[in-house]
Structures are given as C-alpha cells and as structure tokens.
Amino acid sequence: MFFVRLITLFLLFSTHLYTGQIHASQAQGGQIREYWVSAEQVVWDYAPGGTNLIVPTNGLGPWGETHAYNKYRYFAYTDGSYSTKVEQPEWMGILGPQLIGEVGDTLKVHFKNMADRPLSMHPHGMRYDEDNDGADLRGAGGIVLPGKSYTYTWRLDEKAGPGPADPSSIVWVYHSHVKAVEEVYAGLIGTIVVTSKGMAKSPQDPSPKDVDKSFTTMFMVFDEEDGEEAGLMHAMNGYIFGHLKGLEANEGEKIRWHLVGMGSEVDLHTAHWHGETVLNGGRRTDVINLMPSTMTSVTMEADNPGTWLYHCHVSDHITAGMITRWQIHPLNQAESD
C-alpha cells in the first residue's frame, strides 16, 4: 500500500511540474509558489490579418496603417532551464503570465532578462524589501542586465489580499520599472491575483473556490508613435477592433472579471458588458470606471446565453477600436461539448 501511494504521489508531482504554472512547497503560514519568467523581444500585431472584426466595412481607419510593432513581453517557463514555455489562454493577449497565490503565500519569481536592455519586475500590492522592489534603479532587483537573472521574493500578506468589501480574489499588476513608462507601453506588464485566506481551491490550486472561471482585461492606449493618432492603439489586452478572443463562458458559471487600467491622461476607461451585469463591492452595475494604474475585480453570474459586445464606453475609444465580443454558451450546448 505504501508503495502504491508513493507511485501515485510521484505521478501527481510529475504532472504538476510538467504544467509549470505553479510550483508550490509548504512554508510556515502558506505555500512558496515558484515561477520562471523571462522578458523577450517580439513583434506584436494589434489586428492580425488587418481586419475590423466588429464592423468589417469600416476597416481599421488610421490605426490600420501599421498595426504590427516591435515590442517586449513577459513569458512563463516550466522550470529554470527556460526551454519550455507555459501556454497562456488566448484571451490574455499581450499580458505577461498571471501569478496567483493565497493570502499567506510567498511568490518566488525567477526572472531572466532575455532581451536587449536592462529590465525588471516591480509588483503592486505585495510585501517586499528594497532588494525586491524591482524599481527606483536600486536594490539587487532594481536593474537586471541583458542575459542576467534575479529571483524576486514577494509576500502575500493580509494587505495584499482582498479587503472587507472585495470579492474572494483581487488583481494587482507587475511591470518593468527601469524606464517604467517606455517599458509598459512596450508590453512589459502582467498581473497578480491574490485569493482570500481559506478560499483557495486547494494547496496546489490557489484560485478561488467560489468562482468557476476568471478573466483579466487591461484597457490601455499604447503610444507607438509619440502621440500620432495612427500610433495610438486603443487596445484591450493588446488587441483592437474585435481581435481579443477567447472570452467564453458557459451558462450558469460564476465569473470573476479582473479589470486593469493603465496609461496616461487619455486612459479614462469605462469597461462595459452587453448582456450581463456585475457586482462591484455589493453594487450592481454593467460599467466599471478605470483610470491609469487602477485595478478592480468584480463578479458575474453568466445566465444570459449569447454573443455580446464588451468594450470601453468612452466614445472616442469605441471609434478607435477598444471593443470586442464575448460569449456565453447555452447550458445544453455546454453539456454536449
């Protein structure tokens, strides 16, 4: 019996390592969760194929003159060999890997700079010391040179977790902070989700047990051409005019939406869902206000099957393509699938 249990544990552990999404070990007060994250140079296309998927006859307007740019991104790997990337859901778009833990946990983020410039990782909301701030051009993790690595240690204490009026999980951002403005516009940004103590599904899975599915969307006008209109890409997770895909749920599911606003004074956003409403701190609404560097987490009951628009409701931003569609599959269809 002992031998069977040992083999079972080995298989479970091997499978967990293969997924590479969270490597957890027990620590006093919580888990130590390890991530291997890189920064790399990429070409990013805001509208693959050059089409307007919302109103095709309108085209992309001035934002179609150039819609692919040289950028940087964070990627997750399965382990310290940095040989196998962790696949992300389609809806995450340009966002870096989502780091997740429960209050009481510690995140160990092994960052490798595989790009051509000094970079870092700076988290919002976490508890850390000066070496692990990843900012201000100081401390051991303030500047990571090309080809070099640094392991950041961030604690998820009570102040990093949901407050009294928050749902069971909330979202924070992390981003490079050597030249912060340039690097966020370049694409070096991701999110951290913190679950309330006792609300994690399991020690291996710190996502909240009271929701079925979570989505994260970042609203930001990427400035690609020093303020020129054609280079102001009004994007949701790095996509314009309907190219953000994969936002799909099944009828009856409870969804946690994590919303992020970034950018400058033009980035006054109003995230709006067609077909459903959400609860925001006990208040019922279908529009959430976002300003630069704000993060909000809301909860939705997916009970209205259909294909619906999801967009920023600022008029200029709709025109410029900050819009996509999302879908709730009918229960009978979900069961047949």
Protein backbone atom coordinates (compact mmCIF):
# COMPACT_ATOMS: atom_id res chain seq x y z
CA MET A 1 0.00 0.00 0.00
CA PHE A 2 2.82 2.38 0.86
CA PHE A 3 4.49 1.65 -2.49
CA VAL A 4 1.24 2.37 -4.40
CA ARG A 5 0.78 5.66 -2.55
CA LEU A 6 4.39 6.61 -3.27
CA ILE A 7 3.99 5.95 -7.00
CA THR A 8 0.72 7.94 -7.05
CA LEU A 9 2.35 10.91 -5.36
CA PHE A 10 5.24 10.74 -7.81
CA LEU A 11 2.89 10.77 -10.81
CA LEU A 12 0.92 13.69 -9.41
CA PHE A 13 4.10 15.63 -8.69
CA SER A 14 5.49 14.91 -12.17
CA THR A 15 2.28 16.08 -13.81
CA HIS A 16 2.31 19.23 -11.71
CA LEU A 17 5.88 20.01 -12.74
CA TYR A 18 5.04 19.45 -16.39
CA THR A 19 2.29 22.07 -16.38
CA GLY A 20 4.78 24.59 -15.00
CA GLN A 21 2.12 27.03 -13.95
CA ILE A 22 2.73 26.91 -10.19
CA HIS A 23 5.48 25.10 -8.29
CA ALA A 24 4.39 25.07 -4.66
CA SER A 25 6.04 23.86 -1.48
CA GLN A 26 4.82 24.09 2.08
CA ALA A 27 6.03 27.01 4.19
CA GLN A 28 5.01 28.34 7.58
CA GLY A 29 1.75 30.23 7.10
CA GLY A 30 1.31 29.29 3.45
CA GLN A 31 2.84 27.96 0.25
CA ILE A 32 6.00 29.05 -1.54
CA ARG A 33 4.96 29.36 -5.17
CA GLU A 34 7.69 29.49 -7.80
CA TYR A 35 7.51 30.97 -11.28
CA TRP A 36 10.12 31.21 -14.01
CA VAL A 37 9.55 34.37 -16.06
CA SER A 38 11.51 35.86 -18.96
CA ALA A 39 11.44 39.15 -20.84
CA GLU A 40 11.83 38.76 -24.60
CA GLN A 41 11.60 40.80 -27.80
CA VAL A 42 8.64 40.07 -30.08
CA VAL A 43 6.64 41.51 -32.96
CA TRP A 44 3.11 42.22 -31.77
CA ASP A 45 0.13 42.59 -34.12
CA TYR A 46 -2.81 44.54 -32.69
CA ALA A 47 -5.10 43.38 -35.53
CA PRO A 48 -3.86 40.14 -37.11
CA GLY A 49 -4.91 40.00 -40.73
CA GLY A 50 -5.61 43.73 -40.81
CA THR A 51 -9.38 43.36 -40.47
CA ASN A 52 -12.06 45.06 -38.38
CA LEU A 53 -13.94 42.14 -36.83
CA ILE A 54 -16.70 44.33 -35.34
CA VAL A 55 -17.79 46.30 -38.44
CA PRO A 56 -15.72 44.90 -41.34
CA THR A 57 -16.88 47.52 -43.83
CA ASN A 58 -15.38 50.28 -41.68
CA GLY A 59 -11.87 48.91 -41.86
CA LEU A 60 -9.26 49.91 -39.26
CA GLY A 61 -9.11 53.61 -40.12
CA PRO A 62 -5.76 55.29 -39.40
CA TRP A 63 -4.91 52.52 -36.92
CA GLY A 64 -4.57 50.14 -39.87
CA GLU A 65 -1.67 51.98 -41.49
CA THR A 66 0.67 50.00 -39.26
CA HIS A 67 -0.71 47.51 -36.77
CA ALA A 68 2.37 45.36 -36.04
CA TYR A 69 5.21 46.74 -33.91
CA ASN A 70 8.43 45.58 -32.28
CA LYS A 71 7.67 45.05 -28.60
CA TYR A 72 8.71 43.19 -25.44
CA ARG A 73 6.78 40.63 -23.44
CA TYR A 74 6.99 38.58 -20.27
CA PHE A 75 6.71 34.80 -20.72
CA ALA A 76 6.42 31.96 -18.21
CA TYR A 77 8.51 28.79 -18.45
CA THR A 78 8.02 25.40 -16.80
CA ASP A 79 11.36 25.45 -14.97
CA GLY A 80 14.79 27.02 -14.69
CA SER A 81 16.01 25.63 -17.99
CA TYR A 82 13.83 28.22 -19.76
CA SER A 83 13.30 25.71 -22.56
CA THR A 84 9.53 25.08 -22.44
CA LYS A 85 7.08 27.98 -22.38
CA VAL A 86 3.82 27.77 -20.45
CA GLU A 87 0.92 28.23 -22.84
CA GLN A 88 -1.42 31.10 -21.95
CA PRO A 89 -5.16 31.34 -22.61
CA GLU A 90 -5.96 33.16 -25.85
CA TRP A 91 -7.79 35.95 -24.01
CA MET A 92 -4.64 37.04 -22.13
CA GLY A 93 -3.23 38.63 -25.28
CA ILE A 94 -0.11 40.68 -24.62
CA LEU A 95 -0.29 40.31 -20.82
CA GLY A 96 2.54 38.53 -19.07
CA PRO A 97 1.88 35.34 -17.09
CA GLN A 98 -0.66 35.66 -14.33
CA LEU A 99 0.91 34.93 -10.95
CA ILE A 100 -1.55 33.65 -8.37
CA GLY A 101 -1.48 32.83 -4.67
CA GLU A 102 -3.46 32.81 -1.46
CA VAL A 103 -3.01 35.22 1.45
CA GLY A 104 -0.11 33.83 3.50
CA ASP A 105 1.80 32.54 0.47
CA THR A 106 5.16 33.71 -0.83
CA LEU A 107 5.89 34.19 -4.53
CA LYS A 108 9.39 33.33 -5.74
CA VAL A 109 9.70 34.78 -9.24
CA HIS A 110 12.86 33.72 -11.07
CA PHE A 111 13.26 36.47 -13.67
CA LYS A 112 15.62 36.07 -16.62
CA ASN A 113 16.23 39.05 -18.91
CA MET A 114 16.43 37.55 -22.40
CA ALA A 115 16.01 40.95 -24.09
CA ASP A 116 18.49 43.61 -25.22
CA ARG A 117 18.05 46.23 -22.49
CA PRO A 118 18.08 46.45 -18.68
CA LEU A 119 14.69 45.48 -17.26
CA SER A 120 13.00 44.44 -14.01
CA MET A 121 9.77 43.25 -12.40
CA HIS A 122 8.02 45.59 -9.97
CA PRO A 123 4.81 44.39 -8.25
CA HIS A 124 1.91 46.44 -6.93
CA GLY A 125 0.34 45.47 -3.61
CA MET A 126 2.88 42.88 -2.43
CA ARG A 127 5.06 43.00 0.70
CA TYR A 128 8.79 43.10 -0.15
CA ASP A 129 12.10 44.64 0.90
CA GLU A 130 14.19 47.15 -1.09
CA ASP A 131 16.06 44.43 -2.99
CA ASN A 132 12.78 43.02 -4.26
CA ASP A 133 11.05 46.28 -5.22
CA GLY A 134 12.27 45.96 -8.81
CA ALA A 135 12.22 49.75 -9.17
CA ASP A 136 13.95 53.05 -8.48
CA LEU A 137 17.21 51.87 -10.12
CA ARG A 138 18.38 50.49 -6.78
CA GLY A 139 18.43 47.31 -4.77
CA ALA A 140 19.58 43.96 -6.10
CA GLY A 141 16.47 43.58 -8.29
CA GLY A 142 16.20 47.18 -9.47
CA ILE A 143 18.10 46.60 -12.69
CA VAL A 144 18.54 43.20 -14.34
CA LEU A 145 21.00 43.43 -17.23
CA PRO A 146 20.53 41.52 -20.52
CA GLY A 147 21.38 37.88 -20.05
CA LYS A 148 21.23 38.13 -16.25
CA SER A 149 18.72 36.77 -13.73
CA TYR A 150 17.27 37.74 -10.37
CA THR A 151 14.85 35.96 -8.05
CA TYR A 152 12.21 38.26 -6.59
CA THR A 153 10.55 37.34 -3.28
CA TRP A 154 7.10 38.83 -2.71
CA ARG A 155 4.90 38.03 0.29
CA LEU A 156 1.13 37.90 0.04
CA ASP A 157 0.22 39.26 3.46
CA GLU A 158 -3.23 40.44 4.56
CA LYS A 159 -2.64 43.86 2.99
CA ALA A 160 -2.02 42.20 -0.37
CA GLY A 161 -5.29 40.31 -0.19
CA PRO A 162 -8.97 41.21 -0.59
CA GLY A 163 -10.41 43.82 1.75
CA PRO A 164 -13.77 43.69 3.57
CA ALA A 165 -15.78 44.88 0.54
CA ASP A 166 -13.78 42.90 -2.04
CA PRO A 167 -14.70 39.55 -3.60
CA SER A 168 -12.71 36.41 -2.81
CA SER A 169 -9.86 37.35 -5.19
CA ILE A 170 -8.39 40.64 -6.39
CA VAL A 171 -5.94 41.67 -9.05
CA TRP A 172 -2.66 43.60 -8.95
CA VAL A 173 -0.19 44.40 -11.72
CA TYR A 174 3.54 43.93 -12.15
CA HIS A 175 5.66 45.67 -14.76
CA SER A 176 9.22 46.64 -15.64
CA HIS A 177 10.41 49.75 -13.80
CA VAL A 178 13.83 50.69 -15.18
CA LYS A 179 12.21 53.11 -17.63
CA ALA A 180 8.69 52.41 -16.48
CA VAL A 181 6.69 54.48 -18.98
CA GLU A 182 8.56 53.16 -22.02
CA GLU A 183 8.50 49.59 -20.77
CA VAL A 184 4.78 49.39 -20.03
CA TYR A 185 4.00 50.83 -23.46
CA ALA A 186 6.45 48.30 -24.87
CA GLY A 187 4.31 45.49 -23.41
CA LEU A 188 6.13 44.54 -20.21
CA ILE A 189 3.15 44.17 -17.90
CA GLY A 190 1.33 41.29 -16.25
CA THR A 191 -0.99 40.60 -13.33
CA ILE A 192 -1.02 39.01 -9.89
CA VAL A 193 -4.20 37.55 -8.40
CA VAL A 194 -4.48 37.10 -4.62
CA THR A 195 -7.16 34.86 -3.11
CA SER A 196 -8.52 35.35 0.42
CA LYS A 197 -7.14 33.07 3.12
CA GLY A 198 -9.16 29.86 3.22
CA MET A 199 -10.81 30.48 -0.17
CA ALA A 200 -8.27 28.65 -2.36
CA LYS A 201 -9.49 25.53 -4.16
CA SER A 202 -6.52 23.52 -2.86
CA PRO A 203 -2.88 23.95 -1.80
CA GLN A 204 -1.90 23.24 -5.41
CA ASP A 205 -4.57 25.49 -6.93
CA PRO A 206 -4.86 28.90 -5.22
CA SER A 207 -7.67 30.16 -7.46
CA PRO A 208 -10.88 30.96 -5.51
CA LYS A 209 -13.25 28.06 -4.89
CA ASP A 210 -16.39 30.20 -5.16
CA VAL A 211 -15.98 31.03 -8.87
CA ASP A 212 -15.93 28.81 -11.95
CA LYS A 213 -13.87 30.97 -14.30
CA SER A 214 -11.79 34.15 -14.27
CA PHE A 215 -10.86 36.63 -17.00
CA THR A 216 -8.48 39.59 -16.91
CA THR A 217 -8.64 42.55 -19.29
CA MET A 218 -6.34 45.54 -19.43
CA PHE A 219 -7.57 48.75 -21.07
CA MET A 220 -4.74 50.95 -22.33
CA VAL A 221 -3.90 53.23 -25.25
CA PHE A 222 -0.47 52.04 -26.35
CA ASP A 223 1.51 55.00 -27.70
CA GLU A 224 3.57 53.62 -30.59
CA GLU A 225 4.37 56.84 -32.50
CA ASP A 226 4.96 59.64 -29.97
CA GLY A 227 1.34 60.76 -29.83
CA GLU A 228 0.47 60.45 -33.52
CA GLU A 229 -3.15 59.32 -33.88
CA ALA A 230 -2.31 56.37 -36.13
CA GLY A 231 0.03 55.02 -33.46
CA LEU A 232 -2.36 55.35 -30.52
CA MET A 233 -3.55 51.77 -30.30
CA HIS A 234 -6.72 51.72 -28.17
CA ALA A 235 -6.34 48.14 -27.02
CA MET A 236 -7.86 45.53 -24.73
CA ASN A 237 -5.05 43.13 -23.77
CA GLY A 238 -3.14 44.42 -26.78
CA TYR A 239 -5.86 43.89 -29.40
CA ILE A 240 -8.16 46.29 -31.28
CA PHE A 241 -11.42 46.00 -33.27
CA GLY A 242 -12.56 42.59 -32.01
CA HIS A 243 -9.26 40.71 -32.16
CA LEU A 244 -9.31 39.91 -28.43
CA LYS A 245 -10.74 36.39 -28.49
CA GLY A 246 -11.35 33.53 -26.09
CA LEU A 247 -13.66 35.31 -23.61
CA GLU A 248 -16.12 32.41 -23.41
CA ALA A 249 -18.16 31.00 -20.55
CA ASN A 250 -20.97 28.51 -20.07
CA GLU A 251 -24.46 29.33 -18.87
CA GLY A 252 -24.67 29.05 -15.09
CA GLU A 253 -21.00 29.73 -14.41
CA LYS A 254 -19.87 32.30 -11.86
CA ILE A 255 -17.18 34.52 -13.39
CA ARG A 256 -14.59 36.75 -11.76
CA TRP A 257 -13.57 39.64 -14.03
CA HIS A 258 -10.27 41.32 -13.15
CA LEU A 259 -10.04 44.77 -14.77
CA VAL A 260 -6.90 46.88 -15.17
CA GLY A 261 -6.49 50.44 -16.44
CA MET A 262 -3.05 51.74 -17.42
CA GLY A 263 -1.57 54.58 -19.45
CA SER A 264 -1.82 58.38 -19.40
CA GLU A 265 -4.49 61.10 -19.12
CA VAL A 266 -6.27 59.76 -22.23
CA ASP A 267 -6.79 56.47 -20.40
CA LEU A 268 -10.10 57.18 -18.71
CA HIS A 269 -11.95 53.96 -19.44
CA THR A 270 -15.41 52.58 -18.73
CA ALA A 271 -15.49 48.81 -19.14
CA HIS A 272 -18.98 47.82 -20.28
CA TRP A 273 -20.56 44.39 -20.83
CA HIS A 274 -23.57 43.82 -23.03
CA GLY A 275 -25.93 41.06 -21.93
CA GLU A 276 -24.94 40.87 -18.26
CA THR A 277 -24.36 42.86 -15.08
CA VAL A 278 -21.74 42.51 -12.35
CA LEU A 279 -21.43 43.06 -8.61
CA ASN A 280 -18.79 45.59 -7.59
CA GLY A 281 -18.42 45.80 -3.81
CA GLY A 282 -22.11 44.99 -3.41
CA ARG A 283 -23.21 47.50 -6.07
CA ARG A 284 -24.97 46.26 -9.23
CA THR A 285 -23.69 47.75 -12.49
CA ASP A 286 -22.68 46.97 -16.06
CA VAL A 287 -20.00 49.67 -16.33
CA ILE A 288 -16.77 49.88 -14.30
CA ASN A 289 -14.72 53.09 -14.20
CA LEU A 290 -10.97 52.69 -14.70
CA MET A 291 -8.23 55.30 -14.50
CA PRO A 292 -4.48 54.83 -15.14
CA SER A 293 -2.97 52.24 -12.81
CA THR A 294 -6.25 51.13 -11.26
CA MET A 295 -7.34 47.55 -10.62
CA THR A 296 -10.87 46.30 -9.92
CA SER A 297 -12.28 42.79 -9.50
CA VAL A 298 -15.99 42.10 -9.97
CA THR A 299 -18.28 39.07 -10.06
CA MET A 300 -20.80 37.98 -12.71
CA GLU A 301 -23.44 35.25 -12.94
CA ALA A 302 -23.41 34.05 -16.55
CA ASP A 303 -27.11 33.38 -17.05
CA ASN A 304 -27.87 35.04 -20.40
CA PRO A 305 -26.59 32.93 -23.32
CA GLY A 306 -25.48 34.80 -26.41
CA THR A 307 -22.66 36.63 -28.11
CA TRP A 308 -22.22 40.10 -26.64
CA LEU A 309 -20.15 43.23 -27.09
CA TYR A 310 -17.57 44.12 -24.44
CA HIS A 311 -15.87 47.48 -24.75
CA CYS A 312 -14.77 50.78 -23.28
CA HIS A 313 -17.78 53.10 -23.39
CA VAL A 314 -15.76 56.29 -23.95
CA SER A 315 -16.97 57.39 -27.39
CA ASP A 316 -13.54 58.12 -28.90
CA HIS A 317 -12.26 54.79 -27.65
CA ILE A 318 -15.10 52.85 -29.29
CA THR A 319 -14.30 54.58 -32.58
CA ALA A 320 -10.62 53.73 -32.20
CA GLY A 321 -11.28 50.02 -31.68
CA MET A 322 -11.33 49.39 -27.91
CA ILE A 323 -14.05 46.81 -28.41
CA THR A 324 -14.50 43.07 -28.75
CA ARG A 325 -17.12 40.33 -28.31
CA TRP A 326 -17.57 37.73 -25.60
CA GLN A 327 -19.82 34.68 -25.44
CA ILE A 328 -21.98 32.66 -23.03
CA HIS A 329 -22.72 29.18 -24.37
CA PRO A 330 -26.20 27.77 -23.61
CA LEU A 331 -26.22 25.05 -20.97
CA ASN A 332 -27.40 22.33 -23.38
CA GLN A 333 -24.59 23.23 -25.80
CA ALA A 334 -22.01 23.27 -22.97
CA GLU A 335 -23.16 19.81 -21.87
CA SER A 336 -22.94 18.41 -25.41
CA ASP A 337 -19.43 19.85 -25.84
